[in-house]
Amino acid sequence: MEELCGDPTVPRNVKNIIQTARERLNTESDAVAGMSGAIYALDEVSNDINLPMHARTMVWNLLSELEALKEAELAKKN
C-alpha cells in the first residue's frame, strides 16, 4: 500500500482511498472488520478508470491477500 501511495502515476483520489484502507486496517479493533473495510475500499479503487494497469494489478494482489487473511481469521474464530 505504501508503494502505491508513493507512486507518482497513481491519481490522488486513488491514493486517498488506499490511505483510508490502510487506516482501517490499523485502527479497527476487530481485525475482520478492519479487513472488510479495507477490502471494500480497495475493491472500489480497482474499478477506477484512471488507475494505471500496474497499480490495478497491485490492488488486485492486495485484495487477494486481504481476503485470504480474512478467511483465516474467520476460521480461527470458528
C-alpha atoms as a PDB file:
ATOM      1  CA  MET A   1       0.000   0.000   0.000  1.00  0.00           C
ATOM      2  CA  GLU A   2       2.868   2.343   0.755  1.00  0.00           C
ATOM      3  CA  GLU A   3       4.317   1.696  -2.684  1.00  0.00           C
ATOM      4  CA  LEU A   4       1.030   2.631  -4.345  1.00  0.00           C
ATOM      5  CA  CYS A   5       0.713   5.793  -2.265  1.00  0.00           C
ATOM      6  CA  GLY A   6       4.236   6.826  -3.284  1.00  0.00           C
ATOM      7  CA  ASP A   7       3.766   6.110  -6.990  1.00  0.00           C
ATOM      8  CA  PRO A   8       3.518   9.388  -8.927  1.00  0.00           C
ATOM      9  CA  THR A   9       1.439   7.742 -11.685  1.00  0.00           C
ATOM     10  CA  VAL A  10      -1.395   6.849  -9.275  1.00  0.00           C
ATOM     11  CA  PRO A  11      -4.107   9.539  -9.135  1.00  0.00           C
ATOM     12  CA  ARG A  12      -4.541  11.464  -5.878  1.00  0.00           C
ATOM     13  CA  ASN A  13      -8.132  10.287  -5.330  1.00  0.00           C
ATOM     14  CA  VAL A  14      -6.960   6.667  -5.555  1.00  0.00           C
ATOM     15  CA  LYS A  15      -4.133   7.362  -3.106  1.00  0.00           C
ATOM     16  CA  ASN A  16      -6.655   8.823  -0.653  1.00  0.00           C
ATOM     17  CA  ILE A  17      -8.804   5.696  -0.802  1.00  0.00           C
ATOM     18  CA  ILE A  18      -5.763   3.446  -0.371  1.00  0.00           C
ATOM     19  CA  GLN A  19      -4.741   5.527   2.640  1.00  0.00           C
ATOM     20  CA  THR A  20      -8.247   5.082   4.071  1.00  0.00           C
ATOM     21  CA  ALA A  21      -7.909   1.313   3.623  1.00  0.00           C
ATOM     22  CA  ARG A  22      -4.577   1.384   5.484  1.00  0.00           C
ATOM     23  CA  GLU A  23      -6.131   3.327   8.329  1.00  0.00           C
ATOM     24  CA  ARG A  24      -8.997   0.842   8.608  1.00  0.00           C
ATOM     25  CA  LEU A  25      -6.513  -1.999   8.915  1.00  0.00           C
ATOM     26  CA  ASN A  26      -4.530  -0.195  11.605  1.00  0.00           C
ATOM     27  CA  THR A  27      -7.286   1.358  13.697  1.00  0.00           C
ATOM     28  CA  GLU A  28     -10.121  -1.168  13.734  1.00  0.00           C
ATOM     29  CA  SER A  29     -10.242  -3.118  16.996  1.00  0.00           C
ATOM     30  CA  ASP A  30     -11.771  -6.150  15.277  1.00  0.00           C
ATOM     31  CA  ALA A  31      -9.316  -7.490  12.684  1.00  0.00           C
ATOM     32  CA  VAL A  32     -12.059  -8.945  10.482  1.00  0.00           C
ATOM     33  CA  ALA A  33     -13.970  -5.661  10.422  1.00  0.00           C
ATOM     34  CA  GLY A  34     -10.792  -3.769   9.541  1.00  0.00           C
ATOM     35  CA  MET A  35     -10.006  -6.171   6.736  1.00  0.00           C
ATOM     36  CA  SER A  36     -13.579  -5.987   5.445  1.00  0.00           C
ATOM     37  CA  GLY A  37     -13.419  -2.198   5.341  1.00  0.00           C
ATOM     38  CA  ALA A  38     -10.074  -2.265   3.574  1.00  0.00           C
ATOM     39  CA  ILE A  39     -11.319  -4.844   1.056  1.00  0.00           C
ATOM     40  CA  TYR A  40     -14.376  -2.712   0.324  1.00  0.00           C
ATOM     41  CA  ALA A  41     -12.235   0.401  -0.230  1.00  0.00           C
ATOM     42  CA  LEU A  42      -9.699  -1.399  -2.421  1.00  0.00           C
ATOM     43  CA  ASP A  43     -12.434  -3.046  -4.470  1.00  0.00           C
ATOM     44  CA  GLU A  44     -13.841   0.413  -5.174  1.00  0.00           C
ATOM     45  CA  VAL A  45     -10.388   1.624  -6.261  1.00  0.00           C
ATOM     46  CA  SER A  46      -9.775  -1.366  -8.543  1.00  0.00           C
ATOM     47  CA  ASN A  47     -12.602  -0.186 -10.786  1.00  0.00           C
ATOM     48  CA  ASP A  48     -11.274   3.370 -11.181  1.00  0.00           C
ATOM     49  CA  ILE A  49     -10.797   4.071 -14.866  1.00  0.00           C
ATOM     50  CA  ASN A  50      -7.793   6.337 -14.191  1.00  0.00           C
ATOM     51  CA  LEU A  51      -5.821   3.673 -12.328  1.00  0.00           C
ATOM     52  CA  PRO A  52      -2.719   2.574 -14.293  1.00  0.00           C
ATOM     53  CA  MET A  53      -2.629  -1.127 -15.152  1.00  0.00           C
ATOM     54  CA  HIS A  54       0.436  -1.886 -12.999  1.00  0.00           C
ATOM     55  CA  ALA A  55      -1.274  -0.269  -9.997  1.00  0.00           C
ATOM     56  CA  ARG A  56      -4.517  -2.142 -10.707  1.00  0.00           C
ATOM     57  CA  THR A  57      -2.576  -5.414 -10.628  1.00  0.00           C
ATOM     58  CA  MET A  58      -1.062  -4.443  -7.277  1.00  0.00           C
ATOM     59  CA  VAL A  59      -4.519  -3.602  -5.907  1.00  0.00           C
ATOM     60  CA  TRP A  60      -5.853  -6.980  -7.083  1.00  0.00           C
ATOM     61  CA  ASN A  61      -2.936  -8.725  -5.357  1.00  0.00           C
ATOM     62  CA  LEU A  62      -3.644  -6.789  -2.149  1.00  0.00           C
ATOM     63  CA  LEU A  63      -7.302  -7.757  -2.364  1.00  0.00           C
ATOM     64  CA  SER A  64      -6.401 -11.432  -2.743  1.00  0.00           C
ATOM     65  CA  GLU A  65      -4.060 -11.333   0.237  1.00  0.00           C
ATOM     66  CA  LEU A  66      -6.549  -9.484   2.438  1.00  0.00           C
ATOM     67  CA  GLU A  67      -9.353 -11.882   1.529  1.00  0.00           C
ATOM     68  CA  ALA A  68      -7.141 -14.847   2.394  1.00  0.00           C
ATOM     69  CA  LEU A  69      -6.166 -13.267   5.717  1.00  0.00           C
ATOM     70  CA  LYS A  70      -9.802 -12.504   6.481  1.00  0.00           C
ATOM     71  CA  GLU A  71     -10.834 -16.098   5.777  1.00  0.00           C
ATOM     72  CA  ALA A  72      -8.021 -17.370   8.002  1.00  0.00           C
ATOM     73  CA  GLU A  73      -9.088 -15.023  10.798  1.00  0.00           C
ATOM     74  CA  LEU A  74     -12.700 -16.135  10.479  1.00  0.00           C
ATOM     75  CA  ALA A  75     -11.623 -19.783  10.567  1.00  0.00           C
ATOM     76  CA  LYS A  76      -9.727 -19.122  13.817  1.00  0.00           C
ATOM     77  CA  LYS A  77     -12.846 -17.643  15.405  1.00  0.00           C
ATOM     78  CA  ASN A  78     -14.992 -20.652  14.495  1.00  0.00           C
END
